[in-house]
Protein backbone atom coordinates (compact mmCIF):
# COMPACT_ATOMS: atom_id res chain seq x y z
CA MET A 1 0.00 0.00 0.00
CA ARG A 2 1.10 3.54 -0.72
CA ASN A 3 1.70 6.23 1.88
CA SER A 4 -0.01 9.58 1.93
CA LYS A 5 1.77 12.87 2.51
CA ILE A 6 0.73 16.34 3.58
CA ALA A 7 1.22 18.39 0.44
CA GLY A 8 -0.17 21.65 1.80
CA VAL A 9 -1.31 23.27 5.04
CA GLY A 10 -3.11 26.50 5.89
CA HIS A 11 -4.93 28.20 8.73
CA TYR A 12 -7.37 30.99 9.40
CA VAL A 13 -8.21 32.83 12.61
CA PRO A 14 -10.88 35.52 13.03
CA GLU A 15 -9.78 39.15 13.26
CA LYS A 16 -11.37 39.78 16.65
CA VAL A 17 -8.73 39.49 19.41
CA VAL A 18 -9.98 38.94 22.96
CA THR A 19 -7.41 39.40 25.71
CA ASN A 20 -7.45 38.23 29.29
CA LYS A 21 -8.07 41.85 30.26
CA ASP A 22 -11.21 41.80 28.13
CA LEU A 23 -12.48 38.75 30.02
CA GLU A 24 -11.86 40.50 33.36
CA LYS A 25 -14.76 42.79 32.43
CA LEU A 26 -17.14 39.84 32.01
CA MET A 27 -16.32 37.59 34.98
CA ASP A 28 -14.37 37.40 38.21
CA THR A 29 -10.99 36.48 36.78
CA SER A 30 -7.61 38.08 36.10
CA ASP A 31 -4.87 38.08 33.52
CA GLU A 32 -2.51 36.60 36.12
CA TRP A 33 -4.98 33.82 37.06
CA ILE A 34 -5.49 32.79 33.41
CA ARG A 35 -1.79 32.90 32.47
CA GLU A 36 -0.76 30.92 35.54
CA ARG A 37 -3.28 28.11 34.94
CA THR A 38 -3.32 27.92 31.14
CA GLY A 39 -0.55 30.01 29.61
CA ILE A 40 -3.12 31.83 27.48
CA VAL A 41 -2.72 35.57 26.84
CA GLU A 42 -5.35 36.09 24.13
CA ARG A 43 -7.63 34.23 21.79
CA ARG A 44 -9.72 34.93 18.67
CA TYR A 45 -13.52 35.12 18.54
CA PHE A 46 -15.65 34.85 15.42
CA GLN A 47 -17.77 37.73 14.21
CA GLU A 48 -21.39 36.93 13.45
CA GLY A 49 -22.23 37.51 9.80
CA ILE A 50 -18.57 37.23 8.81
CA ASP A 51 -17.21 33.93 10.15
CA THR A 52 -18.79 30.47 10.15
CA THR A 53 -17.29 27.10 10.98
CA ALA A 54 -17.52 26.17 7.29
CA ASN A 55 -16.13 29.36 5.76
CA MET A 56 -13.26 29.54 8.23
CA GLY A 57 -12.43 26.00 7.12
CA ALA A 58 -12.70 27.12 3.50
CA ASN A 59 -10.27 30.00 4.11
CA ALA A 60 -7.75 27.61 5.65
CA ALA A 61 -8.34 25.10 2.85
CA GLN A 62 -7.62 27.65 0.11
CA LYS A 63 -4.21 28.31 1.63
CA ALA A 64 -3.49 24.60 1.92
CA LEU A 65 -4.51 24.06 -1.71
CA LYS A 66 -2.24 26.87 -2.85
CA MET A 67 0.73 25.33 -1.03
CA ALA A 68 -0.08 21.94 -2.58
CA ASN A 69 -0.32 23.51 -6.07
CA LEU A 70 -3.82 22.09 -6.48
CA ASP A 71 -7.18 23.56 -7.38
CA ALA A 72 -10.25 22.90 -5.27
CA THR A 73 -11.63 20.82 -8.15
CA ASP A 74 -8.71 18.40 -7.71
CA ILE A 75 -10.06 17.33 -4.30
CA ASP A 76 -11.66 13.86 -4.22
CA MET A 77 -12.95 13.89 -0.65
CA ILE A 78 -13.46 16.15 2.38
CA VAL A 79 -12.95 15.03 5.98
CA PHE A 80 -14.17 17.75 8.35
CA ALA A 81 -13.46 17.66 12.09
CA THR A 82 -15.46 19.88 14.44
CA LEU A 83 -17.45 19.84 17.66
CA SER A 84 -19.14 23.12 16.72
CA PRO A 85 -20.88 22.58 13.37
CA ASP A 86 -22.83 25.44 11.83
CA TYR A 87 -26.08 23.48 12.20
CA MET A 88 -27.25 20.52 14.27
CA PHE A 89 -27.47 18.85 10.86
CA PRO A 90 -26.30 18.62 8.15
CA GLY A 91 -22.64 18.56 9.09
CA SER A 92 -20.24 21.30 8.10
CA GLY A 93 -18.47 19.08 5.58
CA VAL A 94 -21.14 19.65 2.94
CA LEU A 95 -21.21 23.37 3.76
CA LEU A 96 -17.46 23.51 3.15
CA GLN A 97 -18.02 21.64 -0.10
CA ARG A 98 -20.49 24.34 -1.12
CA GLU A 99 -18.10 27.12 -0.06
CA LEU A 100 -15.42 25.67 -2.34
CA GLY A 101 -17.81 25.10 -5.23
CA LEU A 102 -17.25 21.34 -5.33
CA LYS A 103 -19.79 18.88 -6.72
CA GLU A 104 -20.73 15.39 -5.52
CA ILE A 105 -17.48 14.40 -3.80
CA PRO A 106 -17.96 12.72 -0.41
CA ALA A 107 -17.88 14.89 2.71
CA LEU A 108 -17.33 13.07 5.99
CA ASP A 109 -17.78 14.74 9.39
CA ILE A 110 -15.63 13.68 12.36
CA ARG A 111 -16.75 14.28 15.96
CA ASN A 112 -13.70 13.57 18.12
CA GLN A 113 -13.27 17.00 19.68
CA CYS A 114 -9.63 17.83 20.56
CA SER A 115 -8.42 14.64 18.85
CA GLY A 116 -10.60 15.34 15.82
CA PHE A 117 -7.97 16.49 13.38
CA VAL A 118 -5.61 13.57 14.04
CA TYR A 119 -8.55 11.17 13.76
CA ALA A 120 -9.57 12.86 10.49
CA LEU A 121 -6.00 12.67 9.20
CA SER A 122 -5.95 8.95 9.94
CA VAL A 123 -9.24 8.40 8.09
CA ALA A 124 -7.96 10.30 5.04
CA ASP A 125 -4.68 8.39 5.16
CA GLN A 126 -6.52 5.06 4.94
CA PHE A 127 -8.50 6.15 1.87
CA ILE A 128 -5.27 7.13 0.11
CA LYS A 129 -3.47 3.96 1.24
CA THR A 130 -6.17 1.78 -0.33
CA GLY A 131 -6.12 3.78 -3.57
CA MET A 132 -9.77 4.81 -3.32
CA TYR A 133 -8.95 8.54 -3.43
CA ASP A 134 -5.89 10.60 -4.35
CA ASN A 135 -6.40 14.12 -3.02
CA ILE A 136 -8.20 14.58 0.29
CA LEU A 137 -8.89 17.80 2.14
CA VAL A 138 -8.73 17.47 5.94
CA VAL A 139 -10.10 20.37 7.97
CA GLY A 140 -10.44 21.21 11.65
CA SER A 141 -12.58 24.26 12.40
CA GLU A 142 -14.25 25.54 15.56
CA ILE A 143 -16.44 28.35 16.88
CA HIS A 144 -16.44 28.08 20.68
CA SER A 145 -17.12 31.65 21.70
CA SER A 146 -20.85 31.53 20.96
CA GLY A 147 -21.31 28.57 23.31
CA LEU A 148 -19.42 29.61 26.45
CA ASP A 149 -20.67 30.72 29.86
CA PHE A 150 -19.14 34.15 30.39
CA SER A 151 -20.33 34.42 33.99
CA THR A 152 -18.03 33.73 36.92
CA ARG A 153 -19.64 30.27 37.14
CA GLY A 154 -18.13 29.32 33.79
CA ARG A 155 -14.75 31.01 34.04
CA GLY A 156 -12.73 27.80 34.55
CA VAL A 157 -13.68 26.66 31.06
CA SER A 158 -14.58 29.84 29.19
CA VAL A 159 -11.15 31.47 29.53
CA ILE A 160 -9.56 28.52 27.73
CA PHE A 161 -11.27 28.32 24.36
CA GLY A 162 -10.92 30.25 21.11
CA ASP A 163 -12.08 30.10 17.49
CA GLY A 164 -10.19 29.26 14.31
CA ALA A 165 -9.54 26.75 11.54
CA GLY A 166 -6.71 24.74 10.03
CA ALA A 167 -6.48 22.52 6.97
CA ALA A 168 -4.22 20.01 5.27
CA VAL A 169 -4.24 18.51 1.78
CA LEU A 170 -3.23 14.86 1.61
CA THR A 171 -1.90 13.33 -1.59
CA PRO A 172 -0.09 10.07 -2.40
CA SER A 173 3.58 10.01 -1.43
CA GLU A 174 6.26 9.20 -4.00
CA SER A 175 7.97 6.95 -1.45
CA ASN A 176 6.83 4.66 1.35
CA ASP A 177 9.64 6.11 3.46
CA LYS A 178 8.07 9.58 3.36
CA GLY A 179 4.72 10.98 4.34
CA ILE A 180 2.44 9.68 7.10
CA LEU A 181 4.29 6.68 8.54
CA SER A 182 1.55 5.62 10.95
CA THR A 183 -1.43 6.87 12.95
CA HIS A 184 -2.64 5.65 16.34
CA LEU A 185 -6.16 6.17 17.69
CA HIS A 186 -7.61 5.46 21.14
CA ALA A 187 -10.73 6.16 23.19
CA ASP A 188 -12.11 5.45 26.67
CA GLY A 189 -15.79 6.27 27.11
CA GLU A 190 -15.67 5.64 30.87
CA PHE A 191 -14.95 9.35 31.33
CA ALA A 192 -17.35 10.71 28.71
CA GLU A 193 -19.15 13.11 31.05
CA GLU A 194 -15.96 14.52 32.61
CA LEU A 195 -15.45 16.82 29.61
CA ALA A 196 -18.71 17.39 27.81
CA VAL A 197 -21.65 19.53 26.82
CA ILE A 198 -24.63 17.51 28.08
CA ASP A 199 -27.56 19.57 26.79
CA PRO A 200 -29.38 19.88 24.49
CA GLY A 201 -29.39 16.13 23.89
CA SER A 202 -31.67 13.65 22.13
CA ILE A 203 -32.06 11.44 25.23
CA LYS A 204 -34.57 13.86 26.78
CA ASN A 205 -38.15 14.42 25.67
CA ASN A 206 -37.56 18.16 25.78
CA ARG A 207 -34.16 18.74 24.24
CA LEU A 208 -33.90 22.34 25.41
CA THR A 209 -35.58 23.82 28.47
CA HIS A 210 -35.26 26.99 30.53
CA GLU A 211 -33.96 24.82 33.38
CA MET A 212 -31.04 23.63 31.26
CA ILE A 213 -30.14 27.23 30.48
CA ASP A 214 -30.51 28.34 34.10
CA GLU A 215 -28.49 25.39 35.43
CA GLY A 216 -25.77 25.87 32.82
CA THR A 217 -25.87 22.33 31.38
CA ILE A 218 -25.88 23.84 27.86
CA TYR A 219 -22.30 24.98 28.49
CA PRO A 220 -19.10 22.91 28.50
CA TYR A 221 -18.27 21.10 31.74
CA MET A 222 -14.72 20.03 32.51
CA ASN A 223 -13.30 18.14 35.47
CA GLY A 224 -10.00 19.95 35.09
CA ASN A 225 -7.90 17.92 37.50
CA LEU A 226 -9.03 14.59 36.04
CA VAL A 227 -8.52 15.76 32.47
CA PHE A 228 -5.02 17.02 33.30
CA LYS A 229 -4.12 13.73 35.02
CA HIS A 230 -5.18 11.65 32.03
CA ALA A 231 -3.70 14.02 29.45
CA VAL A 232 -0.20 13.95 30.90
CA THR A 233 -0.36 10.13 30.86
CA ARG A 234 -1.91 9.56 27.46
CA PHE A 235 0.08 12.15 25.50
CA PRO A 236 3.51 10.54 26.14
CA GLU A 237 2.03 7.04 25.70
CA VAL A 238 0.59 7.69 22.25
CA ILE A 239 3.70 9.58 21.10
CA GLN A 240 5.89 6.69 22.24
CA GLU A 241 3.54 4.22 20.52
CA ALA A 242 4.12 5.99 17.20
CA LEU A 243 7.89 6.06 17.74
CA ASN A 244 8.02 2.36 18.67
CA LYS A 245 5.94 1.40 15.64
CA ASN A 246 8.48 2.99 13.32
CA GLY A 247 11.72 2.22 15.15
CA TYR A 248 12.48 5.73 16.41
CA LYS A 249 13.19 7.27 19.79
CA ALA A 250 12.04 10.61 21.18
CA THR A 251 15.32 12.35 20.35
CA ASP A 252 14.69 11.58 16.65
CA ILE A 253 11.70 13.94 16.61
CA ASP A 254 12.43 17.19 14.80
CA MET A 255 9.07 18.80 15.61
CA LEU A 256 6.37 17.73 18.04
CA ILE A 257 3.00 19.39 17.54
CA PRO A 258 0.69 18.60 20.45
CA HIS A 259 -2.90 19.70 20.72
CA GLN A 260 -2.85 23.11 22.39
CA ALA A 261 -4.85 22.25 25.50
CA ASN A 262 -2.88 23.95 28.24
CA LEU A 263 0.67 25.31 28.34
CA ARG A 264 1.37 23.33 31.50
CA ILE A 265 0.43 20.10 29.70
CA THR A 266 2.66 20.99 26.74
CA SER A 267 5.55 21.77 29.09
CA TYR A 268 5.07 18.45 30.89
CA ILE A 269 5.08 16.53 27.58
CA GLN A 270 8.23 18.33 26.48
CA GLN A 271 10.04 17.38 29.71
CA LYS A 272 8.69 13.82 29.70
CA MET A 273 9.87 13.23 26.12
CA GLY A 274 13.22 14.95 26.78
CA LEU A 275 12.81 17.46 23.95
CA PRO A 276 14.21 21.01 23.79
CA ALA A 277 11.69 23.84 23.58
CA GLU A 278 12.53 24.60 19.94
CA LYS A 279 11.31 21.11 18.95
CA VAL A 280 7.86 21.54 20.50
CA MET A 281 5.32 23.82 18.83
CA SER A 282 3.28 26.01 21.16
CA ASN A 283 0.89 28.79 20.15
CA ILE A 284 -1.82 28.49 22.81
CA GLN A 285 -0.65 31.87 24.14
CA LYS A 286 -2.16 33.54 21.02
CA TYR A 287 -5.17 31.40 20.22
CA GLY A 288 -6.24 29.47 23.32
CA ASN A 289 -7.62 25.96 22.88
CA THR A 290 -9.27 25.62 19.46
CA THR A 291 -9.94 21.86 19.84
CA ALA A 292 -10.06 20.23 16.37
CA ALA A 293 -8.45 23.32 14.81
CA SER A 294 -5.56 23.36 17.28
CA VAL A 295 -3.19 20.84 15.67
CA PRO A 296 -3.62 22.05 12.06
CA ILE A 297 -3.23 25.72 13.06
CA ALA A 298 -0.03 24.87 14.94
CA LEU A 299 1.22 22.72 12.05
CA SER A 300 0.49 25.47 9.54
CA GLU A 301 2.29 28.07 11.65
CA ALA A 302 5.30 25.78 12.13
CA VAL A 303 5.58 25.35 8.34
CA GLN A 304 5.03 29.07 7.78
CA GLU A 305 7.83 29.88 10.23
CA ASN A 306 10.19 27.39 8.51
CA ARG A 307 10.41 25.31 11.67
CA ILE A 308 9.72 22.18 9.59
CA LYS A 309 11.85 21.27 6.59
CA GLU A 310 11.84 18.41 4.11
CA GLY A 311 12.99 15.16 5.67
CA ASP A 312 12.08 16.17 9.23
CA LEU A 313 10.38 13.70 11.56
CA VAL A 314 7.16 15.35 12.73
CA CYS A 315 4.83 13.99 15.39
CA LEU A 316 1.25 15.17 15.91
CA ALA A 317 -0.52 14.23 19.13
CA ALA A 318 -3.83 15.06 20.80
CA PHE A 319 -5.96 14.25 23.83
CA GLY A 320 -9.45 15.41 24.68
CA SER A 321 -13.13 14.80 25.31
CA GLY A 322 -14.33 11.26 25.04
CA PHE A 323 -11.75 10.61 26.36
CA THR A 324 -9.97 10.25 23.02
CA TRP A 325 -6.30 10.46 22.17
CA ALA A 326 -4.26 9.98 19.00
CA SER A 327 -0.93 10.47 17.29
CA ALA A 328 0.52 10.57 13.78
CA LEU A 329 4.18 10.21 12.84
CA ILE A 330 5.21 11.92 9.61
CA ARG A 331 8.41 12.02 7.58
CA TRP A 332 8.01 15.46 6.02
């Protein structure tokens, strides 16, 4: 079977910058409190009437297509990762298809939250490996800001998240020694409710009630300590799994791009894997946690900043709601 490679990457973030100082006006928090616990300084929020989950993905996709020297009409399939689709249904994949003016190609939506992009990358990789499709567009795009609790009650979660999109174009690799070497996917539903938005849900006769709004169950809930504990275990595990599969050790990694969940988690992973700071991509300070968009935005910025060059060993890794976690090892 043939390998796939990432031929192009791109990202888009909304123009609206929201600083920690801005959030101080909305809730009982402080710039110092947010920086100390998350490392975040600012994040981007969408603007209604300008940004949508689909068109942010389309903006990122156009940049990825340009880098890959492909036209949108060359794309055979879309794999779209998001936890914040434009509508309850249909998924944003078909809306992205419409944005790009594409006809009749399949559009698959992935719902794996923070691990969504790596899951989506793995799905696309399999379709290319089998020869079913040649050029696949993989997108992670999120709008969190319209679904956060900006009262003091919600501050532990709401200060973390931001909006944005990232994209990658996958094409067949000329060599089995280059491109995506392997992907590794895991999940453990035992902790599903520890990081979740419970309402509105289809398991209740009344999907949305005033009580749900008043009680805050329509907003994200996170058991922060438990999530942190599992993240710092699963991240190194799944990175090491990818290295072992391909006969490498941590010091062989030229660039590690972890999901931007929390700067403390990224710092822990860096120390655990024994990597210098320049080999670990971190941009959570600027964008916050953009879940499925986090890894592709960071990957796109790393390429843009010439921190990744041809022949480099690149590892992508993510952990998040589900719990789900995943990694991909790439010879660039």
